[in-house]
Amino acid sequence: MSRVVISHEYASSPDQAWYGHLAAELSPHDVRVPQMPDPQAPQPEPWLKAVIAEVDDPRDTVLVGHSLGGVNLLRLLQQHDVGREGPYAGVVLVASMAHEVGYDQLAPFFQDGFDWGRIRRAAGQFRVLVAVDDPVLTPDPLEHVRLFAQHLGAKALVTPDGVHFSRLQDRRELHEAVTLVTALLP
């Protein structure tokens, strides 16, 4: 049985947004949505540890990151020891940032940038889901898609709307994410 680990967005929790829908649709796979520590004032190390604690075998695990949760996964992949543990089966980044987007409180997650080559080697495949009307992915959501495609070889699904696929829009289902994750399951 494969495992899916979801790293949720800033100021959220496992019972919000579309995380429960994804878990239900992916049954009987082992889907985990850990509560990120202090989601209103996130810090990189505790968030990283919360995801790492849910992984047994990276080769059987698909990681899903939503918004800042995706940035958390990029940091996890950047430090992952592929030689010792093998690569993750795949990664799905939903409305995630490829660089800082102007939120001072989130700046520590972007400190020192990303080692794209190391991140790329840490997973078998990458998928990206972004809405063209996403107001968080500044200055242009498609720029983030381009960077993920260029640096990670990510395949992207871009929707004309969807905003940030967030709890703030009361987004309880996300069928596109189900499709992307299903395609990556070992």
Protein backbone atom coordinates (compact mmCIF):
# COMPACT_ATOMS: atom_id res chain seq x y z
CA MET A 1 0.00 0.00 0.00
CA SER A 2 1.30 3.45 -0.91
CA ARG A 3 1.38 6.40 1.43
CA VAL A 4 0.37 9.98 0.68
CA VAL A 5 1.51 12.73 3.03
CA ILE A 6 -0.15 16.15 2.73
CA SER A 7 1.55 19.28 4.03
CA HIS A 8 -1.27 21.81 4.49
CA GLU A 9 -1.31 25.54 3.83
CA TYR A 10 -0.46 28.40 6.17
CA ALA A 11 -2.99 29.10 8.96
CA SER A 12 -4.92 25.91 8.20
CA SER A 13 -5.47 22.43 9.63
CA PRO A 14 -6.03 18.87 8.38
CA ASP A 15 -9.82 19.18 8.58
CA GLN A 16 -9.99 22.26 6.36
CA ALA A 17 -9.84 22.83 2.60
CA TRP A 18 -9.85 19.72 0.35
CA TYR A 19 -7.55 17.46 2.37
CA GLY A 20 -10.33 15.19 3.66
CA HIS A 21 -11.73 14.82 0.14
CA LEU A 22 -8.32 13.78 -1.19
CA ALA A 23 -7.92 11.24 1.63
CA ALA A 24 -11.37 9.76 0.99
CA GLU A 25 -10.81 9.52 -2.76
CA LEU A 26 -7.43 7.81 -2.33
CA SER A 27 -8.70 5.12 0.00
CA PRO A 28 -7.40 2.40 0.57
CA HIS A 29 -4.00 4.12 0.40
CA ASP A 30 -2.52 5.36 3.65
CA VAL A 31 -3.17 9.12 3.56
CA ARG A 32 -1.69 11.27 6.30
CA VAL A 33 -2.39 14.95 6.93
CA PRO A 34 -0.30 15.99 9.92
CA GLN A 35 -1.19 19.14 11.82
CA MET A 36 1.61 21.57 11.10
CA PRO A 37 2.88 23.14 14.33
CA ASP A 38 1.74 26.69 15.06
CA PRO A 39 0.10 27.22 11.65
CA GLN A 40 -0.62 30.91 12.35
CA ALA A 41 3.09 31.61 12.96
CA PRO A 42 4.91 28.85 11.06
CA GLN A 43 8.58 28.05 11.48
CA PRO A 44 10.52 25.94 8.98
CA GLU A 45 12.08 23.30 11.26
CA PRO A 46 8.93 22.22 13.14
CA TRP A 47 6.98 22.05 9.87
CA LEU A 48 9.71 19.93 8.29
CA LYS A 49 9.77 17.53 11.24
CA ALA A 50 5.97 17.12 11.14
CA VAL A 51 6.14 15.76 7.59
CA ILE A 52 9.27 13.64 8.10
CA ALA A 53 7.57 11.90 11.04
CA GLU A 54 4.87 10.59 8.66
CA VAL A 55 7.23 8.96 6.14
CA ASP A 56 8.31 5.32 6.41
CA ASP A 57 9.63 4.55 2.94
CA PRO A 58 10.08 7.48 0.54
CA ARG A 59 9.95 5.14 -2.48
CA ASP A 60 6.31 4.29 -1.65
CA THR A 61 5.35 7.84 -0.69
CA VAL A 62 3.77 10.65 -2.69
CA LEU A 63 4.10 14.06 -1.07
CA VAL A 64 1.38 16.68 -1.57
CA GLY A 65 2.02 20.28 -0.60
CA HIS A 66 -0.52 23.08 -0.61
CA SER A 67 0.77 26.65 -0.77
CA LEU A 68 3.35 27.05 2.04
CA GLY A 69 3.02 23.30 2.56
CA GLY A 70 4.58 22.87 -0.88
CA VAL A 71 7.48 25.11 0.09
CA ASN A 72 7.86 22.93 3.18
CA LEU A 73 8.17 19.90 0.90
CA LEU A 74 10.79 21.62 -1.27
CA ARG A 75 12.87 22.11 1.88
CA LEU A 76 12.35 18.46 2.85
CA LEU A 77 13.45 17.26 -0.59
CA GLN A 78 16.47 19.55 -0.52
CA GLN A 79 17.83 17.83 2.58
CA HIS A 80 16.69 14.29 1.66
CA ASP A 81 19.47 11.67 1.41
CA VAL A 82 18.56 9.92 -1.84
CA GLY A 83 21.60 7.64 -1.70
CA ARG A 84 20.59 6.22 1.67
CA GLU A 85 16.77 6.29 1.45
CA GLY A 86 15.94 6.40 -2.26
CA PRO A 87 13.81 9.03 -3.98
CA TYR A 88 10.19 9.80 -3.16
CA ALA A 89 7.70 8.28 -5.60
CA GLY A 90 6.40 11.71 -6.53
CA VAL A 91 5.43 15.20 -5.45
CA VAL A 92 2.31 17.25 -6.17
CA LEU A 93 2.54 20.98 -5.51
CA VAL A 94 -0.84 22.74 -5.29
CA ALA A 95 -0.76 26.55 -5.46
CA SER A 96 2.81 26.44 -4.19
CA MET A 97 5.43 29.13 -4.47
CA ALA A 98 8.72 28.81 -6.36
CA HIS A 99 10.08 31.93 -4.64
CA GLU A 100 9.09 34.51 -2.06
CA VAL A 101 5.79 36.25 -2.69
CA GLY A 102 5.98 39.17 -0.27
CA TYR A 103 4.67 37.70 3.01
CA ASP A 104 7.26 38.66 5.65
CA GLN A 105 5.99 36.01 8.07
CA LEU A 106 6.81 33.28 5.54
CA ALA A 107 10.27 34.59 4.57
CA PRO A 108 12.22 32.05 6.70
CA PHE A 109 10.89 29.25 4.47
CA PHE A 110 12.68 30.84 1.49
CA GLN A 111 15.95 31.72 3.22
CA ASP A 112 19.01 30.75 1.14
CA GLY A 113 16.83 29.85 -1.87
CA PHE A 114 16.46 26.33 -3.25
CA ASP A 115 18.98 23.82 -4.54
CA TRP A 116 16.83 22.82 -7.51
CA GLY A 117 19.15 20.04 -8.69
CA ARG A 118 19.12 18.34 -5.31
CA ILE A 119 15.34 18.71 -5.03
CA ARG A 120 14.87 17.26 -8.53
CA ARG A 121 16.90 14.14 -7.66
CA ALA A 122 14.87 13.56 -4.46
CA ALA A 123 11.65 12.51 -6.24
CA GLY A 124 10.69 10.44 -9.25
CA GLN A 125 8.17 12.87 -10.70
CA PHE A 126 6.71 16.29 -10.01
CA ARG A 127 3.25 17.67 -10.76
CA VAL A 128 2.01 21.22 -10.26
CA LEU A 129 -1.57 22.50 -9.97
CA VAL A 130 -2.06 26.26 -10.25
CA ALA A 131 -4.98 28.58 -11.03
CA VAL A 132 -4.34 31.53 -13.33
CA ASP A 133 -6.35 33.76 -10.97
CA ASP A 134 -4.26 32.90 -7.87
CA PRO A 135 -3.62 36.21 -6.04
CA VAL A 136 -0.93 34.70 -3.78
CA LEU A 137 1.46 33.55 -6.50
CA THR A 138 2.85 36.98 -7.34
CA PRO A 139 3.79 38.56 -9.59
CA ASP A 140 2.31 35.96 -11.98
CA PRO A 141 1.12 32.42 -11.18
CA LEU A 142 2.47 31.19 -14.51
CA GLU A 143 5.97 32.34 -13.54
CA HIS A 144 5.89 29.86 -10.64
CA VAL A 145 4.71 27.12 -13.01
CA ARG A 146 7.54 27.96 -15.43
CA LEU A 147 10.15 27.75 -12.66
CA PHE A 148 8.87 24.38 -11.44
CA ALA A 149 8.84 23.04 -14.99
CA GLN A 150 12.30 24.40 -15.75
CA HIS A 151 14.01 23.32 -12.53
CA LEU A 152 12.11 20.16 -11.59
CA GLY A 153 10.83 18.86 -14.89
CA ALA A 154 7.35 19.25 -13.41
CA LYS A 155 4.26 18.67 -15.48
CA ALA A 156 1.66 21.32 -14.81
CA LEU A 157 -2.09 21.51 -14.75
CA VAL A 158 -3.20 25.13 -14.97
CA THR A 159 -6.85 26.00 -14.41
CA PRO A 160 -8.44 29.30 -15.49
CA ASP A 161 -9.90 29.78 -12.00
CA GLY A 162 -9.68 28.33 -8.54
CA VAL A 163 -7.98 31.23 -6.79
CA HIS A 164 -5.63 29.56 -4.26
CA PHE A 165 -7.60 26.28 -3.86
CA SER A 166 -7.89 27.37 -0.26
CA ARG A 167 -10.02 27.05 2.83
CA LEU A 168 -10.67 30.78 2.39
CA GLN A 169 -12.77 29.96 -0.68
CA ASP A 170 -14.33 27.07 1.26
CA ARG A 171 -12.75 24.67 -1.23
CA ARG A 172 -13.80 21.22 0.07
CA GLU A 173 -13.05 19.15 -3.04
CA LEU A 174 -10.20 19.23 -5.52
CA HIS A 175 -10.66 16.56 -8.17
CA GLU A 176 -7.62 17.77 -10.09
CA ALA A 177 -5.39 16.94 -7.12
CA VAL A 178 -6.88 13.44 -6.90
CA THR A 179 -6.01 12.86 -10.57
CA LEU A 180 -2.46 14.15 -10.19
CA VAL A 181 -1.72 12.12 -7.06
CA THR A 182 -3.27 8.95 -8.48
CA ALA A 183 -0.96 9.16 -11.50
CA LEU A 184 2.09 9.17 -9.21
CA LEU A 185 1.14 6.35 -6.84
CA PRO A 186 3.57 3.43 -7.06
